Structures are given as C-alpha cells and as structure tokens.
Protein backbone atom coordinates (compact mmCIF):
# COMPACT_ATOMS: atom_id res chain seq x y z
CA UNK A 1 -120.63 -85.91 146.64
CA UNK A 2 -124.09 -84.24 146.35
CA UNK A 3 -127.18 -86.09 145.08
CA UNK A 4 -128.39 -84.36 141.85
CA UNK A 5 -131.73 -85.06 140.07
CA UNK A 6 -132.03 -83.53 136.61
CA UNK A 7 -135.02 -82.62 134.89
CA UNK A 8 -134.91 -81.67 131.11
CA UNK A 9 -136.50 -79.14 129.71
CA UNK A 10 -136.39 -77.46 126.24
CA UNK A 11 -134.18 -79.12 124.04
CA UNK A 12 -132.98 -77.16 120.57
CA UNK A 13 -130.66 -78.77 118.11
CA UNK A 14 -128.22 -76.50 116.60
CA UNK A 15 -126.94 -78.29 113.06
CA UNK A 16 -124.59 -75.34 112.20
CA UNK A 17 -122.55 -76.00 115.60
CA UNK A 18 -123.20 -79.77 115.65
CA UNK A 19 -124.74 -79.68 118.93
CA UNK A 20 -127.76 -79.79 121.05
CA UNK A 21 -128.59 -76.90 123.54
CA UNK A 22 -130.45 -78.03 126.57
CA UNK A 23 -132.19 -76.18 129.40
CA UNK A 24 -132.07 -78.32 132.41
CA UNK A 25 -133.52 -77.86 136.02
CA UNK A 26 -131.32 -79.58 138.79
CA UNK A 27 -132.51 -80.20 142.35
CA UNK A 28 -129.94 -81.16 144.84
CA UNK A 29 -130.03 -82.11 148.63
CA UNK A 30 -127.27 -80.03 150.24
CA UNK A 31 -124.46 -77.24 148.97
CA UNK A 32 -124.24 -76.72 145.52
CA UNK A 33 -122.86 -79.34 143.47
CA UNK A 34 -119.47 -79.09 141.52
CA UNK A 35 -119.17 -78.81 137.87
CA UNK A 36 -118.12 -82.43 137.31
CA UNK A 37 -121.09 -83.69 139.22
CA UNK A 38 -123.58 -81.82 137.02
CA UNK A 39 -121.97 -82.70 134.02
CA UNK A 40 -122.30 -86.64 135.21
CA UNK A 41 -125.56 -85.94 136.00
CA UNK A 42 -126.93 -84.42 132.89
CA UNK A 43 -124.82 -86.75 130.68
CA UNK A 44 -126.47 -89.95 132.34
CA UNK A 45 -130.09 -88.34 131.95
CA UNK A 46 -129.46 -87.14 128.21
CA UNK A 47 -127.48 -90.70 127.53
CA UNK A 48 -124.30 -88.52 126.42
CA UNK A 49 -120.71 -88.90 127.11
CA UNK A 50 -119.63 -86.51 129.97
CA UNK A 51 -116.62 -85.12 128.09
CA UNK A 52 -118.85 -83.77 125.30
CA UNK A 53 -121.01 -81.66 127.88
CA UNK A 54 -120.39 -77.88 128.23
CA UNK A 55 -122.03 -76.00 130.97
CA UNK A 56 -122.60 -72.66 129.40
CA UNK A 57 -124.90 -71.11 132.55
CA UNK A 58 -125.64 -71.90 135.98
CA UNK A 59 -128.49 -69.94 137.62
CA UNK A 60 -129.48 -70.23 141.24
CA UNK A 61 -131.52 -68.03 143.65
CA UNK A 62 -129.58 -67.66 147.08
CA UNK A 63 -130.57 -70.24 149.19
CA UNK A 64 -132.35 -72.49 146.92
CA UNK A 65 -132.06 -76.05 146.44
CA UNK A 66 -132.75 -75.57 142.39
CA UNK A 67 -130.81 -74.30 139.69
CA UNK A 68 -131.27 -73.74 135.88
CA UNK A 69 -128.65 -74.96 133.68
CA UNK A 70 -127.89 -74.27 130.24
CA UNK A 71 -126.15 -76.81 128.48
CA UNK A 72 -124.37 -78.05 125.30
CA UNK A 73 -123.81 -81.39 124.04
CA UNK A 74 -121.66 -81.74 121.26
CA UNK A 75 -121.69 -84.74 118.43
CA UNK A 76 -118.06 -85.07 118.25
CA UNK A 77 -114.93 -83.87 120.15
CA UNK A 78 -113.67 -82.25 116.88
CA UNK A 79 -117.07 -80.30 116.71
CA UNK A 80 -116.45 -79.19 120.36
CA UNK A 81 -112.50 -77.96 119.73
CA UNK A 82 -113.80 -75.77 117.12
CA UNK A 83 -116.04 -73.73 119.30
CA UNK A 84 -115.06 -74.16 122.87
CA UNK A 85 -112.15 -71.71 123.98
CA UNK A 86 -109.75 -73.67 126.45
CA UNK A 87 -109.16 -71.54 129.56
CA UNK A 88 -106.00 -70.19 130.19
CA UNK A 89 -103.79 -71.35 133.21
CA UNK A 90 -102.84 -68.31 135.68
CA UNK A 91 -99.00 -67.94 135.93
CA UNK A 92 -97.36 -68.08 139.05
CA UNK A 93 -96.32 -64.92 140.65
CA UNK A 94 -92.54 -64.65 141.11
CA UNK A 95 -91.67 -63.09 144.67
CA UNK A 96 -89.90 -59.71 144.81
CA UNK A 97 -86.49 -59.72 144.75
C-alpha cells in the first residue's frame, strides 16, 4: 500500500447533479497508487463515504510523485446511480473450433 497525502484545492457545489466537484493534489512516496487507495485518502480528507466518491480525471507528469485529481462526491447513492454509468464487463473469447 502506498502512502497518499491529499491537499484539497478548488471545491464547487453542483446542486443539479447533487454532488460536490473537488480538485485535489495527491502526493505519494513510491509508485502510482491504485484507484481504491486514492478514493480512501480523499474520502478521509473530505469526511465523506468512500462509496460516494468517483474519480473523474487523474493527471500526472512522467516520473512525478504528485498528481492532480478531479473528484466528484455525491450526496447519496441514488444521485450517483442517475449520473454514473457502470462499466461493461468484458466477455470471454471463445476458442476457435
């Protein structure tokens, strides 16, 4: 597990989508952290539930130990389900007969 430090930047409330849009700067000590680690660190910094945090954009310069992350924190799971699409699962390829 990578140690992640979060600095909260610009925070915007979007009442139509029932979410807060947050720009964060994430510092880490070794390799790039996984999405779950970033979500956990941001949720802790914003005092939010990890299930309601969605990463919109992750931008990092090559070799840098810092990244800019755009995050949406939804007010409820119903509001999140209305706007966030679920990823399709990949189908297994059948071997040629």
